[in-house]
N, C-alpha and C. Protein backbone atom coordinates (compact mmCIF):
# COMPACT_ATOMS: atom_id res chain seq x y z
N MET A 1 -51.24 -78.28 6.65
CA MET A 1 -50.38 -77.48 8.23
C MET A 1 -49.79 -76.11 7.68
N LYS A 2 -48.93 -76.24 6.42
CA LYS A 2 -48.59 -75.20 6.61
C LYS A 2 -49.54 -73.73 6.27
N LYS A 3 -50.50 -74.36 5.67
CA LYS A 3 -51.58 -73.37 5.31
C LYS A 3 -52.18 -72.78 6.35
N ILE A 4 -52.23 -73.97 7.52
CA ILE A 4 -53.44 -73.27 9.00
C ILE A 4 -52.04 -72.44 9.47
N LEU A 5 -50.69 -73.18 9.40
CA LEU A 5 -50.02 -71.92 9.82
C LEU A 5 -50.10 -70.54 9.56
N LEU A 6 -50.05 -70.72 8.22
CA LEU A 6 -50.12 -69.37 7.29
C LEU A 6 -51.46 -68.58 7.83
N GLY A 7 -52.32 -69.32 7.69
CA GLY A 7 -53.40 -68.25 7.72
C GLY A 7 -53.57 -68.16 9.62
N PHE A 8 -52.88 -68.61 10.59
CA PHE A 8 -52.82 -67.74 12.36
C PHE A 8 -51.89 -66.49 12.19
N LEU A 9 -51.00 -66.90 10.91
CA LEU A 9 -49.84 -65.85 11.07
C LEU A 9 -50.45 -64.51 10.28
N LEU A 10 -51.73 -64.38 9.32
CA LEU A 10 -52.74 -63.57 8.81
C LEU A 10 -53.25 -63.08 9.75
N ILE A 11 -53.55 -64.20 10.66
CA ILE A 11 -54.44 -63.57 11.22
C ILE A 11 -54.18 -62.28 12.84
N GLY A 12 -52.83 -63.27 13.04
CA GLY A 12 -51.90 -62.26 13.98
C GLY A 12 -51.93 -60.74 13.01
N VAL A 13 -51.17 -61.35 12.09
CA VAL A 13 -50.75 -59.70 11.41
C VAL A 13 -51.80 -58.79 11.40
N THR A 14 -53.00 -59.14 11.35
CA THR A 14 -54.18 -58.42 11.20
C THR A 14 -54.54 -58.15 12.34
N PHE A 15 -54.34 -58.63 13.60
CA PHE A 15 -54.68 -58.08 15.23
C PHE A 15 -53.90 -57.02 16.07
N LEU A 16 -52.37 -57.54 14.94
CA LEU A 16 -51.00 -56.56 15.25
C LEU A 16 -51.94 -55.17 14.54
N PHE A 17 -52.50 -55.04 13.43
CA PHE A 17 -52.55 -54.21 12.22
C PHE A 17 -53.85 -52.98 13.10
N CYS A 18 -54.91 -54.08 13.57
CA CYS A 18 -55.88 -53.48 14.46
C CYS A 18 -55.50 -52.97 15.58
N VAL A 19 -54.75 -53.31 16.60
CA VAL A 19 -54.20 -52.57 17.87
C VAL A 19 -53.32 -51.87 17.42
N SER A 20 -52.63 -51.44 16.43
CA SER A 20 -51.49 -50.35 16.05
C SER A 20 -52.58 -49.25 15.65
N SER A 21 -53.72 -49.61 14.78
CA SER A 21 -55.03 -48.38 14.62
C SER A 21 -55.24 -47.87 15.98
N ALA A 22 -55.77 -48.99 16.37
CA ALA A 22 -56.64 -48.27 17.71
C ALA A 22 -55.71 -47.27 18.36
N GLN A 23 -54.29 -47.31 18.10
CA GLN A 23 -53.50 -46.41 19.27
C GLN A 23 -53.79 -44.84 18.30
N ALA A 24 -53.94 -44.74 16.91
CA ALA A 24 -54.22 -43.72 16.20
C ALA A 24 -56.02 -42.91 16.40
N TYR A 25 -55.54 -41.96 15.68
CA TYR A 25 -56.76 -41.09 15.42
C TYR A 25 -57.10 -40.85 13.84
N LEU A 26 -59.02 -40.69 13.49
CA LEU A 26 -59.08 -40.63 12.54
C LEU A 26 -59.04 -39.33 12.59
N VAL A 27 -58.62 -38.21 11.14
CA VAL A 27 -58.73 -37.34 10.94
C VAL A 27 -59.18 -36.70 10.14
N TYR A 28 -60.47 -35.64 10.68
CA TYR A 28 -61.09 -34.98 9.78
C TYR A 28 -61.02 -33.32 10.09
N SER A 29 -60.85 -32.82 8.23
CA SER A 29 -60.42 -30.82 8.76
C SER A 29 -61.07 -30.78 7.09
N TYR A 30 -60.74 -29.49 7.50
CA TYR A 30 -60.88 -28.75 5.60
C TYR A 30 -60.49 -27.26 6.20
N ASP A 31 -60.26 -26.71 4.96
CA ASP A 31 -59.58 -25.10 4.51
C ASP A 31 -60.36 -24.18 4.68
N ASP A 32 -60.21 -23.47 5.55
CA ASP A 32 -61.58 -22.47 5.64
C ASP A 32 -60.59 -21.27 5.11
N SER A 33 -59.51 -21.13 4.47
CA SER A 33 -58.88 -19.90 3.88
C SER A 33 -59.55 -18.80 3.06
N PHE A 34 -59.26 -17.96 2.58
CA PHE A 34 -59.69 -17.06 1.48
C PHE A 34 -60.23 -17.52 0.41
N ASP A 35 -59.50 -18.41 -0.03
CA ASP A 35 -59.49 -18.73 -1.56
C ASP A 35 -59.56 -20.40 -1.71
N SER A 36 -60.37 -20.92 -0.50
CA SER A 36 -60.70 -22.27 -0.29
C SER A 36 -62.40 -22.33 -1.02
N VAL A 37 -62.62 -23.25 -1.89
CA VAL A 37 -63.64 -23.76 -2.61
C VAL A 37 -64.91 -24.33 -1.18
N ASP A 38 -63.78 -24.78 0.24
CA ASP A 38 -64.15 -25.38 1.20
C ASP A 38 -64.75 -24.55 2.31
N ALA A 39 -64.45 -23.34 2.07
CA ALA A 39 -64.48 -22.00 3.51
C ALA A 39 -65.90 -22.09 3.71
N ILE A 40 -66.33 -22.01 5.07
CA ILE A 40 -67.22 -21.68 5.50
C ILE A 40 -67.85 -20.38 5.94
N ILE A 41 -68.87 -19.57 4.72
CA ILE A 41 -69.30 -18.52 5.29
C ILE A 41 -70.32 -17.97 5.84
N ASN A 42 -70.85 -18.51 6.27
CA ASN A 42 -72.23 -18.65 7.20
C ASN A 42 -72.77 -19.75 7.83
N TRP A 43 -72.96 -19.87 8.87
CA TRP A 43 -73.80 -21.37 9.13
C TRP A 43 -75.29 -21.40 8.25
N PRO A 44 -75.58 -22.97 7.93
CA PRO A 44 -76.90 -22.89 7.72
C PRO A 44 -77.84 -22.05 7.96
N GLY A 45 -78.81 -21.15 7.54
CA GLY A 45 -79.98 -20.57 7.98
C GLY A 45 -79.69 -19.60 8.57
N GLN A 46 -77.98 -19.19 8.92
CA GLN A 46 -77.92 -18.45 9.55
C GLN A 46 -77.38 -16.57 8.69
N VAL A 47 -78.05 -15.36 9.17
CA VAL A 47 -77.97 -13.86 8.48
C VAL A 47 -76.47 -14.13 7.97
N GLY A 48 -76.55 -13.98 6.99
CA GLY A 48 -75.06 -14.49 5.55
C GLY A 48 -74.70 -12.84 5.45
N ASP A 49 -73.38 -12.88 4.90
CA ASP A 49 -72.44 -12.39 4.64
C ASP A 49 -71.56 -12.75 3.82
N PRO A 50 -71.84 -11.97 2.73
CA PRO A 50 -70.60 -12.38 1.33
C PRO A 50 -68.86 -12.80 1.90
N ARG A 51 -68.59 -12.17 2.66
CA ARG A 51 -67.35 -12.40 3.21
C ARG A 51 -66.85 -13.43 4.15
N GLU A 52 -65.48 -13.96 3.37
CA GLU A 52 -65.54 -15.20 4.35
C GLU A 52 -64.79 -14.60 5.48
N GLN A 53 -63.62 -14.04 5.27
CA GLN A 53 -63.01 -13.78 6.60
C GLN A 53 -63.82 -11.63 6.83
N ILE A 54 -63.87 -11.39 8.18
CA ILE A 54 -64.07 -10.01 8.31
C ILE A 54 -63.15 -9.58 9.10
N GLY A 55 -62.17 -8.97 8.85
CA GLY A 55 -60.78 -8.64 9.64
C GLY A 55 -60.40 -9.45 10.75
N ASN A 56 -60.10 -9.79 12.18
CA ASN A 56 -59.47 -10.55 12.83
C ASN A 56 -60.99 -11.72 13.17
N PRO A 57 -60.63 -12.36 13.69
CA PRO A 57 -59.53 -13.33 13.56
C PRO A 57 -60.13 -14.01 12.04
N GLN A 58 -58.32 -14.33 11.79
CA GLN A 58 -58.45 -15.36 10.23
C GLN A 58 -58.29 -16.93 11.00
N LEU A 59 -59.78 -17.70 10.67
CA LEU A 59 -59.45 -19.07 11.03
C LEU A 59 -59.23 -19.43 9.58
N ASN A 60 -58.15 -20.12 9.38
CA ASN A 60 -57.55 -20.74 7.77
C ASN A 60 -57.90 -22.05 8.16
N GLY A 61 -58.56 -23.14 8.69
CA GLY A 61 -58.71 -24.31 9.03
C GLY A 61 -59.07 -24.90 9.99
N MET A 62 -60.24 -26.26 10.18
CA MET A 62 -60.06 -26.98 11.36
C MET A 62 -59.67 -28.18 11.02
N THR A 63 -59.27 -29.29 12.01
CA THR A 63 -59.10 -30.63 11.90
C THR A 63 -59.74 -31.01 13.29
N VAL A 64 -60.26 -32.13 13.45
CA VAL A 64 -61.38 -33.04 14.56
C VAL A 64 -60.26 -34.08 14.25
N LEU A 65 -59.53 -34.75 15.47
CA LEU A 65 -59.22 -35.98 15.95
C LEU A 65 -60.03 -37.05 16.74
N ILE A 66 -60.23 -38.25 16.70
CA ILE A 66 -61.25 -39.11 17.12
C ILE A 66 -60.72 -40.13 17.22
N ASP A 67 -60.64 -41.00 18.28
CA ASP A 67 -59.85 -41.54 18.68
C ASP A 67 -60.93 -43.12 18.30
N GLU A 68 -59.79 -44.07 17.64
CA GLU A 68 -60.40 -45.11 16.93
C GLU A 68 -60.89 -46.30 17.89
N VAL A 69 -60.36 -46.08 18.95
CA VAL A 69 -60.47 -46.97 19.95
C VAL A 69 -62.65 -47.19 20.60
N ASP A 70 -62.73 -45.90 20.44
CA ASP A 70 -63.99 -45.52 21.20
C ASP A 70 -64.90 -44.51 20.41
N ASN A 71 -64.48 -43.95 19.25
CA ASN A 71 -64.70 -43.13 18.77
C ASN A 71 -65.12 -41.77 20.05
N SER A 72 -64.76 -41.63 20.79
CA SER A 72 -64.53 -40.07 21.39
C SER A 72 -63.57 -39.69 20.83
N LEU A 73 -64.20 -37.98 21.01
CA LEU A 73 -63.11 -36.53 20.24
C LEU A 73 -62.16 -36.38 21.52
N TYR A 74 -61.24 -36.81 20.51
CA TYR A 74 -60.04 -36.38 20.82
C TYR A 74 -59.36 -34.28 21.00
N GLN A 75 -58.97 -34.01 19.55
CA GLN A 75 -58.41 -33.04 19.70
C GLN A 75 -59.77 -32.00 18.59
N VAL A 76 -59.54 -30.73 18.56
CA VAL A 76 -60.05 -30.13 17.87
C VAL A 76 -58.95 -29.07 17.33
N ILE A 77 -58.91 -28.87 16.51
CA ILE A 77 -57.27 -27.77 16.08
C ILE A 77 -57.67 -27.09 15.43
N LEU A 78 -57.75 -25.82 15.33
CA LEU A 78 -58.03 -24.26 14.91
C LEU A 78 -56.69 -23.92 14.38
N ASP A 79 -56.32 -23.76 13.09
CA ASP A 79 -55.82 -23.22 12.17
C ASP A 79 -55.66 -21.53 12.04
N ILE A 80 -55.35 -20.68 13.18
CA ILE A 80 -56.13 -19.67 13.55
C ILE A 80 -55.41 -18.88 13.74
N THR A 81 -55.40 -17.23 13.39
CA THR A 81 -54.07 -16.25 14.02
C THR A 81 -55.18 -15.19 14.30
N ASN A 82 -54.42 -13.96 15.13
CA ASN A 82 -55.35 -13.02 15.64
C ASN A 82 -56.72 -13.25 16.12
N VAL A 83 -57.02 -14.13 17.23
CA VAL A 83 -57.96 -14.69 17.90
C VAL A 83 -58.73 -13.66 18.61
N VAL A 84 -60.43 -13.48 18.04
CA VAL A 84 -60.27 -12.68 19.35
C VAL A 84 -61.52 -13.62 19.80
N TYR A 85 -61.54 -13.11 21.42
CA TYR A 85 -62.04 -13.15 22.43
C TYR A 85 -63.09 -12.84 23.37
N PRO A 86 -63.96 -13.39 24.11
CA PRO A 86 -64.08 -14.10 23.92
C PRO A 86 -64.65 -15.33 22.70
N ASP A 87 -64.35 -16.63 22.32
CA ASP A 87 -64.89 -17.06 21.35
C ASP A 87 -65.70 -18.62 21.86
N ALA A 88 -66.20 -19.13 21.03
CA ALA A 88 -67.08 -20.68 21.49
C ALA A 88 -66.97 -22.10 20.66
N ILE A 89 -66.58 -22.96 21.37
CA ILE A 89 -67.02 -24.34 20.55
C ILE A 89 -68.58 -24.92 21.07
N PHE A 90 -69.07 -25.15 19.60
CA PHE A 90 -69.95 -26.11 19.75
C PHE A 90 -69.88 -27.50 19.35
N ILE A 91 -70.44 -28.25 19.74
CA ILE A 91 -70.47 -29.99 19.57
C ILE A 91 -71.83 -31.05 19.47
N ASN A 92 -72.04 -31.23 18.59
CA ASN A 92 -73.10 -32.31 19.00
C ASN A 92 -72.85 -33.78 18.46
N THR A 93 -73.55 -34.55 18.76
CA THR A 93 -72.77 -35.94 18.69
C THR A 93 -73.72 -36.83 17.73
N GLY A 94 -74.21 -36.15 16.76
CA GLY A 94 -75.22 -37.30 15.62
C GLY A 94 -76.55 -35.99 15.69
N GLY A 95 -76.91 -36.21 14.48
CA GLY A 95 -78.35 -35.91 14.05
C GLY A 95 -78.42 -34.41 13.69
N SER A 96 -79.24 -33.39 13.82
CA SER A 96 -79.63 -32.44 13.08
C SER A 96 -78.28 -31.63 12.99
N TRP A 97 -77.43 -30.68 12.02
CA TRP A 97 -76.40 -30.05 12.73
C TRP A 97 -76.41 -29.00 13.56
N ASP A 98 -77.32 -28.66 13.91
CA ASP A 98 -77.49 -27.59 15.57
C ASP A 98 -78.10 -28.10 16.73
N SER A 99 -78.56 -29.37 16.40
CA SER A 99 -78.45 -30.38 17.90
C SER A 99 -77.53 -30.37 18.88
N TRP A 100 -76.92 -28.96 19.07
CA TRP A 100 -76.24 -29.21 20.11
C TRP A 100 -75.86 -30.22 21.48
N ASP A 101 -75.33 -30.43 21.73
CA ASP A 101 -74.84 -31.35 23.15
C ASP A 101 -73.88 -31.15 24.09
N TYR A 102 -73.07 -30.16 23.77
CA TYR A 102 -71.94 -29.41 24.38
C TYR A 102 -71.31 -28.08 23.98
N TYR A 103 -71.01 -27.52 25.04
CA TYR A 103 -70.38 -25.86 24.41
C TYR A 103 -70.04 -25.77 25.27
N PHE A 104 -68.79 -24.83 24.87
CA PHE A 104 -67.75 -23.70 26.07
C PHE A 104 -67.58 -22.63 25.40
N GLU A 105 -67.49 -21.23 25.83
CA GLU A 105 -66.93 -20.35 26.00
C GLU A 105 -65.06 -20.46 26.26
N SER A 106 -64.27 -19.72 25.80
CA SER A 106 -63.14 -19.59 26.09
C SER A 106 -61.75 -17.99 26.01
N TYR A 107 -61.47 -17.36 26.85
CA TYR A 107 -61.20 -16.18 27.00
C TYR A 107 -59.68 -16.14 26.88
N ALA A 108 -58.82 -15.41 26.69
CA ALA A 108 -57.56 -15.13 26.77
C ALA A 108 -56.71 -15.62 27.79
N GLY A 109 -56.17 -16.52 27.72
CA GLY A 109 -55.75 -17.64 28.74
C GLY A 109 -55.98 -18.40 29.39
N ASP A 110 -56.90 -18.73 29.27
CA ASP A 110 -57.06 -20.15 29.61
C ASP A 110 -56.33 -21.29 28.83
N THR A 111 -56.13 -22.43 30.18
CA THR A 111 -55.73 -23.54 30.18
C THR A 111 -56.84 -24.96 29.98
N SER A 112 -57.77 -24.23 30.87
CA SER A 112 -59.16 -25.51 31.09
C SER A 112 -59.96 -24.66 31.30
N LEU A 113 -60.93 -25.50 30.67
CA LEU A 113 -62.04 -25.07 30.95
C LEU A 113 -63.08 -26.45 31.36
N GLU A 114 -64.58 -25.83 32.12
CA GLU A 114 -65.21 -27.15 32.08
C GLU A 114 -66.19 -27.41 31.03
N ILE A 115 -66.70 -27.80 30.28
CA ILE A 115 -67.68 -28.27 28.94
C ILE A 115 -69.13 -28.30 29.84
N GLN A 116 -70.04 -27.41 28.60
CA GLN A 116 -71.55 -27.17 29.00
C GLN A 116 -72.03 -28.51 28.40
N SER A 117 -73.27 -28.91 29.22
CA SER A 117 -73.96 -29.60 28.59
C SER A 117 -75.22 -28.55 28.04
N VAL A 118 -75.79 -29.28 26.85
CA VAL A 118 -76.86 -27.70 26.30
C VAL A 118 -77.98 -29.05 26.37
N SER A 119 -79.53 -28.34 27.03
CA SER A 119 -80.81 -29.03 26.46
C SER A 119 -81.43 -28.64 24.88
N SER A 120 -82.24 -29.63 24.56
CA SER A 120 -83.02 -29.38 23.68
C SER A 120 -83.42 -28.04 22.99
N ASP A 121 -83.65 -27.37 23.97
CA ASP A 121 -84.72 -26.08 24.68
C ASP A 121 -83.90 -24.27 24.33
N TYR A 122 -82.05 -24.98 23.94
CA TYR A 122 -81.53 -23.91 23.98
C TYR A 122 -82.00 -22.61 23.13
N ALA A 123 -81.18 -21.49 23.61
CA ALA A 123 -81.36 -20.36 23.20
C ALA A 123 -79.77 -19.96 23.03
N TYR A 124 -79.57 -19.09 21.43
CA TYR A 124 -78.55 -18.86 20.99
C TYR A 124 -78.68 -16.95 21.23
N GLY A 125 -77.34 -16.78 21.04
CA GLY A 125 -76.99 -15.46 21.32
C GLY A 125 -76.34 -15.42 20.14
N TYR A 126 -76.52 -13.81 19.94
CA TYR A 126 -76.29 -13.46 18.20
C TYR A 126 -74.94 -12.48 18.35
N ALA A 127 -74.51 -12.21 17.28
CA ALA A 127 -73.36 -11.32 17.32
C ALA A 127 -74.11 -9.70 16.96
N GLU A 128 -73.72 -8.59 18.06
CA GLU A 128 -74.21 -7.68 18.28
C GLU A 128 -72.73 -6.72 17.45
N ASN A 129 -72.01 -6.99 17.13
CA ASN A 129 -70.64 -5.86 16.68
C ASN A 129 -71.76 -5.45 14.96
N ILE A 130 -71.76 -4.63 14.59
CA ILE A 130 -72.38 -4.21 12.91
C ILE A 130 -71.32 -4.48 12.06
N TYR A 131 -70.00 -4.42 13.01
CA TYR A 131 -69.17 -4.54 11.68
C TYR A 131 -68.64 -5.84 11.40
N GLY A 132 -69.25 -6.85 12.26
CA GLY A 132 -69.24 -8.01 11.82
C GLY A 132 -70.48 -8.81 10.97
N ARG A 133 -69.93 -10.10 11.42
CA ARG A 133 -71.40 -10.99 10.89
C ARG A 133 -72.53 -10.97 11.71
N TYR A 134 -73.05 -9.50 11.73
CA TYR A 134 -73.96 -8.56 12.53
C TYR A 134 -75.20 -10.04 12.55
N GLY A 135 -75.96 -10.23 13.66
CA GLY A 135 -77.28 -11.47 13.56
C GLY A 135 -77.04 -12.79 13.45
N HIS A 136 -75.48 -12.99 13.35
CA HIS A 136 -75.27 -14.54 12.89
C HIS A 136 -75.25 -15.25 14.53
N ALA A 137 -75.58 -16.46 14.37
CA ALA A 137 -75.80 -17.17 16.16
C ALA A 137 -74.30 -16.99 16.01
N SER A 138 -73.63 -16.92 17.98
CA SER A 138 -71.94 -17.06 17.86
C SER A 138 -71.85 -17.28 19.26
N SER A 139 -73.54 -17.66 20.15
CA SER A 139 -73.09 -18.64 21.66
C SER A 139 -74.38 -18.98 21.88
N ILE A 140 -73.98 -19.69 22.75
CA ILE A 140 -75.81 -19.94 23.03
C ILE A 140 -75.53 -19.71 24.71
N GLU A 141 -76.83 -19.01 25.12
CA GLU A 141 -77.36 -18.38 26.31
C GLU A 141 -77.77 -18.95 27.27
N THR A 142 -79.05 -19.49 27.17
CA THR A 142 -79.73 -20.41 27.86
C THR A 142 -79.76 -22.21 27.83
N GLY A 143 -79.68 -22.82 28.01
CA GLY A 143 -79.81 -24.46 28.07
C GLY A 143 -78.92 -24.84 28.38
N LEU A 144 -77.87 -24.36 29.35
CA LEU A 144 -76.57 -24.25 29.80
C LEU A 144 -76.24 -25.22 30.93
N SER A 145 -75.80 -26.61 31.35
CA SER A 145 -75.79 -27.13 32.55
C SER A 145 -74.08 -27.88 32.86
N ASP A 146 -73.61 -28.42 33.73
CA ASP A 146 -72.11 -28.49 33.99
C ASP A 146 -71.97 -30.16 33.34
N SER A 147 -71.74 -30.29 32.33
CA SER A 147 -71.56 -31.30 32.13
C SER A 147 -70.66 -32.70 32.95
N GLY A 148 -70.08 -31.97 33.66
CA GLY A 148 -68.73 -32.99 34.20
C GLY A 148 -67.59 -32.77 33.54
N TYR A 149 -67.25 -33.04 32.19
CA TYR A 149 -66.24 -32.62 31.79
C TYR A 149 -65.45 -31.65 31.51
N THR A 150 -63.97 -31.58 31.30
CA THR A 150 -63.52 -30.68 30.99
C THR A 150 -62.35 -30.65 29.46
N VAL A 151 -61.76 -29.92 29.16
CA VAL A 151 -61.50 -29.14 27.99
C VAL A 151 -59.74 -28.76 28.38
N SER A 152 -58.99 -29.08 27.70
CA SER A 152 -57.76 -28.48 28.08
C SER A 152 -57.21 -27.58 26.68
N ILE A 153 -56.63 -26.42 26.56
CA ILE A 153 -56.53 -25.52 25.30
C ILE A 153 -55.21 -25.00 25.56
N SER A 154 -54.50 -24.91 24.32
CA SER A 154 -53.33 -23.87 24.03
C SER A 154 -53.37 -23.61 23.04
N ASN A 155 -52.81 -22.29 22.77
CA ASN A 155 -52.43 -21.37 21.78
C ASN A 155 -50.97 -21.16 21.35
N THR A 156 -50.64 -21.43 20.35
CA THR A 156 -49.43 -21.37 19.73
C THR A 156 -49.19 -19.99 18.79
N GLY A 157 -50.20 -19.29 18.45
CA GLY A 157 -49.74 -18.41 17.82
C GLY A 157 -50.32 -18.37 16.57
N THR A 158 -50.05 -19.57 16.06
CA THR A 158 -51.12 -19.73 14.56
C THR A 158 -52.01 -21.09 14.59
N GLN A 159 -52.15 -22.17 16.21
CA GLN A 159 -53.47 -22.79 16.30
C GLN A 159 -53.42 -22.81 17.87
N VAL A 160 -54.69 -22.89 17.92
CA VAL A 160 -55.21 -23.04 19.14
C VAL A 160 -55.60 -24.72 19.14
N ILE A 161 -55.36 -25.48 19.90
CA ILE A 161 -55.80 -26.70 20.09
C ILE A 161 -56.80 -27.18 21.66
N TYR A 162 -57.86 -27.75 21.08
CA TYR A 162 -58.84 -28.40 22.41
C TYR A 162 -58.06 -29.54 22.73
N THR A 163 -57.73 -30.06 23.42
CA THR A 163 -58.08 -31.40 23.39
C THR A 163 -58.63 -32.12 25.03
N PHE A 164 -59.45 -33.45 24.48
CA PHE A 164 -60.49 -33.61 25.30
C PHE A 164 -60.19 -34.53 26.49
N ASN A 165 -60.93 -35.34 26.87
CA ASN A 165 -60.33 -36.63 27.83
C ASN A 165 -61.20 -37.70 27.08
N SER A 166 -60.34 -38.78 27.30
CA SER A 166 -60.34 -40.00 26.30
C SER A 166 -62.23 -40.66 27.22
N GLY A 167 -63.06 -40.71 26.09
CA GLY A 167 -63.85 -41.36 26.42
C GLY A 167 -64.99 -40.59 27.07
N ASP A 168 -64.83 -39.22 26.60
CA ASP A 168 -66.17 -38.16 27.54
C ASP A 168 -67.09 -38.02 26.17
N ILE A 169 -66.54 -37.36 25.56
CA ILE A 169 -67.56 -36.77 24.15
C ILE A 169 -67.45 -38.27 23.41
N ILE A 170 -68.69 -38.56 23.23
CA ILE A 170 -68.60 -40.14 21.89
C ILE A 170 -69.70 -39.14 20.57
N LEU A 171 -68.49 -39.21 19.48
CA LEU A 171 -69.20 -38.81 17.76
C LEU A 171 -69.42 -39.62 17.37
N ASN A 172 -70.71 -39.81 16.91
CA ASN A 172 -71.22 -40.62 15.81
C ASN A 172 -71.61 -39.80 14.60
N SER A 173 -72.35 -40.64 13.60
CA SER A 173 -72.19 -40.56 12.60
C SER A 173 -73.26 -39.12 12.04
N GLY A 174 -72.77 -37.67 12.00
CA GLY A 174 -73.82 -37.14 11.74
C GLY A 174 -72.87 -35.76 12.72
N SER A 175 -72.50 -35.62 13.45
CA SER A 175 -71.52 -34.99 14.58
C SER A 175 -70.88 -33.68 13.52
N ASN A 176 -71.06 -32.67 14.27
CA ASN A 176 -70.47 -31.66 13.75
C ASN A 176 -70.35 -30.89 14.69
N ILE A 177 -69.09 -30.26 14.67
CA ILE A 177 -68.51 -28.91 15.70
C ILE A 177 -68.47 -27.64 14.70
N GLY A 178 -69.04 -27.17 15.98
CA GLY A 178 -68.62 -25.15 15.23
C GLY A 178 -68.20 -24.17 15.70
N TYR A 179 -67.55 -23.62 15.30
CA TYR A 179 -66.44 -22.48 15.59
C TYR A 179 -66.82 -20.66 15.75
N ALA A 180 -67.14 -19.79 16.66
CA ALA A 180 -67.23 -18.62 15.99
C ALA A 180 -67.04 -17.64 17.48
N THR A 181 -66.58 -16.60 16.99
CA THR A 181 -66.39 -15.62 17.89
C THR A 181 -67.66 -14.96 18.58
N ILE A 182 -67.78 -14.64 19.59
CA ILE A 182 -68.48 -13.98 20.50
C ILE A 182 -69.20 -13.35 19.93
N SER A 183 -68.81 -11.89 20.03
CA SER A 183 -68.93 -10.44 19.31
C SER A 183 -69.14 -10.21 18.48
N CYS A 184 -68.41 -10.85 17.77
CA CYS A 184 -68.77 -10.42 15.87
C CYS A 184 -69.06 -11.54 15.00
N ALA A 185 -68.82 -12.64 15.33
CA ALA A 185 -69.00 -13.95 14.17
C ALA A 185 -68.04 -13.21 13.08
N ASN A 186 -66.90 -12.63 13.31
CA ASN A 186 -66.17 -12.44 12.19
C ASN A 186 -65.51 -13.37 11.51
N ASP A 187 -65.11 -14.48 12.23
CA ASP A 187 -65.25 -15.79 11.29
C ASP A 187 -66.00 -17.00 11.47
N VAL A 188 -66.55 -17.97 11.22
CA VAL A 188 -66.98 -18.96 11.96
C VAL A 188 -66.71 -20.46 11.43
N GLY A 189 -66.43 -21.45 11.96
CA GLY A 189 -66.37 -22.86 11.26
C GLY A 189 -67.48 -23.55 11.63
N LEU A 190 -67.61 -25.03 10.61
CA LEU A 190 -68.28 -25.90 11.05
C LEU A 190 -67.78 -26.93 10.34
N ILE A 191 -67.49 -28.16 10.71
CA ILE A 191 -66.89 -29.63 10.58
C ILE A 191 -68.04 -30.41 10.72
N SER A 192 -68.53 -31.19 9.66
CA SER A 192 -69.44 -32.74 9.71
C SER A 192 -68.65 -33.78 10.19
N ILE A 193 -68.57 -34.94 10.79
CA ILE A 193 -68.17 -36.39 10.75
C ILE A 193 -69.00 -37.09 10.20
N PRO A 194 -68.24 -37.57 8.80
CA PRO A 194 -69.50 -38.96 8.12
C PRO A 194 -69.61 -39.83 8.58
N GLU A 195 -68.91 -40.48 9.48
CA GLU A 195 -69.37 -42.13 9.47
C GLU A 195 -68.42 -42.35 10.64
N PRO A 196 -69.22 -43.15 11.52
CA PRO A 196 -68.55 -43.68 12.84
C PRO A 196 -66.94 -44.35 12.25
N ALA A 197 -66.13 -43.76 13.45
CA ALA A 197 -64.33 -44.82 13.20
C ALA A 197 -64.58 -46.23 13.39
N THR A 198 -65.51 -46.82 13.97
CA THR A 198 -65.63 -47.96 13.84
C THR A 198 -65.94 -49.25 13.28
N ILE A 199 -66.54 -48.11 11.76
CA ILE A 199 -65.89 -48.96 10.91
C ILE A 199 -65.32 -49.63 10.11
N LEU A 200 -64.26 -48.92 10.16
CA LEU A 200 -62.84 -48.91 9.98
C LEU A 200 -62.24 -50.09 10.70
N LEU A 201 -62.21 -50.36 11.87
CA LEU A 201 -61.94 -51.19 12.81
C LEU A 201 -62.64 -52.43 12.16
N LEU A 202 -63.85 -52.48 12.25
CA LEU A 202 -65.26 -53.81 11.18
C LEU A 202 -63.95 -53.95 9.97
N GLY A 203 -63.93 -53.35 9.87
CA GLY A 203 -63.45 -53.61 8.21
C GLY A 203 -61.96 -54.04 8.05
N CYS A 204 -61.00 -53.72 9.27
CA CYS A 204 -60.24 -54.68 9.42
C CYS A 204 -60.26 -55.93 9.44
N GLY A 205 -61.03 -56.28 10.76
CA GLY A 205 -61.35 -57.25 10.89
C GLY A 205 -61.55 -58.54 10.07
N LEU A 206 -62.70 -57.81 9.12
CA LEU A 206 -63.23 -58.78 7.84
C LEU A 206 -62.44 -58.90 7.06
N VAL A 207 -61.15 -58.04 6.79
CA VAL A 207 -60.69 -58.35 5.79
C VAL A 207 -59.38 -59.45 6.44
N GLY A 208 -59.10 -59.66 7.61
CA GLY A 208 -58.14 -60.13 7.91
C GLY A 208 -58.93 -62.05 8.04
N LEU A 209 -60.35 -61.53 7.96
CA LEU A 209 -60.99 -63.05 8.36
C LEU A 209 -61.19 -63.57 6.72
N GLY A 210 -61.40 -62.80 5.29
CA GLY A 210 -61.27 -62.93 4.86
C GLY A 210 -60.45 -63.76 3.97
N VAL A 211 -58.91 -62.95 4.09
CA VAL A 211 -57.89 -63.75 3.56
C VAL A 211 -57.52 -65.41 4.27
N PHE A 212 -57.79 -65.24 5.79
CA PHE A 212 -57.40 -66.18 6.10
C PHE A 212 -58.53 -67.69 5.64
N GLY A 213 -60.02 -67.52 5.31
CA GLY A 213 -60.41 -68.32 5.03
C GLY A 213 -59.97 -68.59 3.25
N ARG A 214 -59.75 -67.67 2.80
CA ARG A 214 -59.16 -68.32 0.98
C ARG A 214 -58.25 -68.78 1.34
N ARG A 215 -57.20 -68.62 2.13
CA ARG A 215 -55.75 -69.69 2.23
C ARG A 215 -56.62 -70.80 2.51
N ARG A 216 -57.22 -70.72 3.60
CA ARG A 216 -57.79 -71.75 4.67
C ARG A 216 -58.57 -73.19 3.76
N PHE A 217 -59.49 -72.65 2.89
CA PHE A 217 -59.93 -73.46 2.10
C PHE A 217 -59.58 -73.67 0.42
N LYS A 218 -58.61 -73.21 -0.19
CA LYS A 218 -58.37 -73.20 -1.36
C LYS A 218 -57.94 -74.14 -1.97
């Protein structure tokens, strides 16, 4: 009887752990500072430039937070100073790195924006400032339509934080999020999501059941 009660107790603890985890977020980040080996110099296949940062802005890192419950995108946080507007965020929900599904541009003072859906036949716009990363993809010019989703924006001076509505944009394995300054692409970022968040929740349940089974039938 004690072993049975212990088993139910372990299941309860496991359940509470999973529930508490469901209120948290998975965090993916990288360091994009001058001396970082992780720095994104250019997007794959785009016009190269050996300089990681060219004047302003200074993008020093990107962080993505994903809701553990449904894998929806919660926040994109840029560690950035001296932002050059307009800039742009590119989002895909799985597949090749540039199979973009969502896109939006922001301007100085923006606090809320509509997110655009991106069709498969979209066309890039390219940086035109010869003193920047000239010819690098920096925007999407065609193939856009209203997604019905919005994003809120805050700028602290050292971070720009994009917050998305729960359940809107669901990320899968192979999702990518990109950042670029539109006029010059002086600094660009690209972060990949390696695996779905639900794997962790499944693992949590399996651990609990494994412990219970071992205790119950030992």
